[in-house]
Each structure stands twice: as structure tokens, then as C-alpha cells.
Amino acid sequence: MEKQLILDRVQSGYKNYRAKGGKVGRKVNYRKSDEVMKEQYVEDIKLLRKGYSLRNIYKITGTSTNTLQKIKKII
């Protein structure tokens, strides 16, 4: 019962915000394109191709392991 009341209030708040012209969700260009990632993380890509582990690359370059996983998917 209480959970449903909270849910209804949140949904009505979203409706009011959208009705006034607000946008909900991630901002446009929030994520970098594959080309930009390749240009920005050249050294990381070289180390990945040499077979270094993500944690070792993190220690060398300081790039987070989550970012390194994204880079790994690109190449």
C-alpha cells in the first residue's frame, strides 16, 4: 500500500516534469564513440594487444578496469 503511494507520487512527478518540457534520462553525447575511445586510449590498447591483464594495465596507466573492459570490446 505505502509502496504503491510512493510509486504513484514518483510517476506523477515525472509526468509533471515532462509536461513542463523536462527531459528524463541520459544526456545526449553522454558516452564516447568508439573512434574517440581508440584515440584517447592508444597506450591501453597496445598493452591489451600484448596480453597484459586488466589489473596490470590499470596499475601502469591508471585507467579504470571498467573502462578497459569497454576498450577490450571495441578492439
Protein backbone atom coordinates (compact mmCIF):
# COMPACT_ATOMS: atom_id res chain seq x y z
CA MET A 1 0.00 0.00 0.00
CA GLU A 2 2.65 2.53 1.05
CA LYS A 3 4.96 1.35 -1.70
CA GLN A 4 2.22 1.98 -4.27
CA LEU A 5 1.66 5.51 -2.92
CA ILE A 6 5.35 6.32 -3.32
CA LEU A 7 5.36 4.86 -6.82
CA ASP A 8 2.31 6.93 -7.79
CA ARG A 9 3.92 10.12 -6.47
CA VAL A 10 7.15 9.49 -8.36
CA GLN A 11 5.28 8.78 -11.58
CA SER A 12 3.16 11.91 -11.23
CA GLY A 13 6.34 13.92 -10.62
CA TYR A 14 7.83 12.55 -13.86
CA LYS A 15 4.63 13.40 -15.74
CA ASN A 16 4.63 16.98 -14.43
CA TYR A 17 8.33 17.41 -15.25
CA ARG A 18 7.84 16.10 -18.80
CA ALA A 19 4.73 18.24 -19.28
CA LYS A 20 6.78 21.34 -18.45
CA GLY A 21 9.35 20.39 -21.09
CA GLY A 22 11.84 18.47 -18.98
CA LYS A 23 13.78 15.54 -20.32
CA VAL A 24 14.37 12.35 -18.35
CA GLY A 25 17.31 10.02 -18.99
CA ARG A 26 20.92 10.29 -20.02
CA LYS A 27 22.21 13.42 -21.65
CA VAL A 28 22.97 13.46 -25.37
CA ASN A 29 26.59 12.51 -26.17
CA TYR A 30 26.99 11.05 -22.68
CA ARG A 31 29.07 8.17 -24.00
CA LYS A 32 32.16 8.48 -26.14
CA SER A 33 32.14 6.99 -29.61
CA ASP A 34 34.40 4.05 -30.48
CA GLU A 35 36.70 6.28 -32.53
CA VAL A 36 37.21 8.73 -29.67
CA MET A 37 37.91 5.86 -27.27
CA LYS A 38 40.53 4.44 -29.66
CA GLU A 39 42.25 7.82 -29.98
CA GLN A 40 42.20 8.54 -26.26
CA TYR A 41 43.40 5.15 -25.01
CA VAL A 42 46.16 4.26 -27.50
CA GLU A 43 48.61 3.06 -24.84
CA ASP A 44 45.95 0.91 -23.17
CA ILE A 45 45.09 -0.74 -26.49
CA LYS A 46 48.76 -1.56 -27.11
CA LEU A 47 49.03 -3.21 -23.69
CA LEU A 48 45.81 -5.17 -24.23
CA ARG A 49 47.10 -6.50 -27.54
CA LYS A 50 50.35 -7.56 -25.85
CA GLY A 51 48.30 -9.69 -23.45
CA TYR A 52 48.60 -7.70 -20.23
CA SER A 53 45.85 -8.25 -17.67
CA LEU A 54 43.33 -5.50 -16.98
CA ARG A 55 44.62 -5.02 -13.43
CA ASN A 56 48.21 -4.68 -14.61
CA ILE A 57 47.16 -2.10 -17.23
CA TYR A 58 45.26 -0.25 -14.51
CA LYS A 59 48.43 -0.11 -12.38
CA ILE A 60 50.51 1.12 -15.32
CA THR A 61 48.15 3.69 -16.88
CA GLY A 62 45.61 4.44 -14.15
CA THR A 63 42.66 3.72 -16.45
CA SER A 64 39.82 2.03 -14.55
CA THR A 65 39.14 -1.64 -15.18
CA ASN A 66 35.58 -0.88 -16.30
CA THR A 67 36.89 1.47 -19.00
CA LEU A 68 39.45 -1.14 -20.01
CA GLN A 69 36.67 -3.71 -20.43
CA LYS A 70 34.82 -1.29 -22.73
CA ILE A 71 38.01 -0.75 -24.75
CA LYS A 72 38.54 -4.51 -24.95
CA LYS A 73 35.08 -4.92 -26.52
CA ILE A 74 35.90 -2.25 -29.13
CA ILE A 75 39.15 -3.77 -30.36
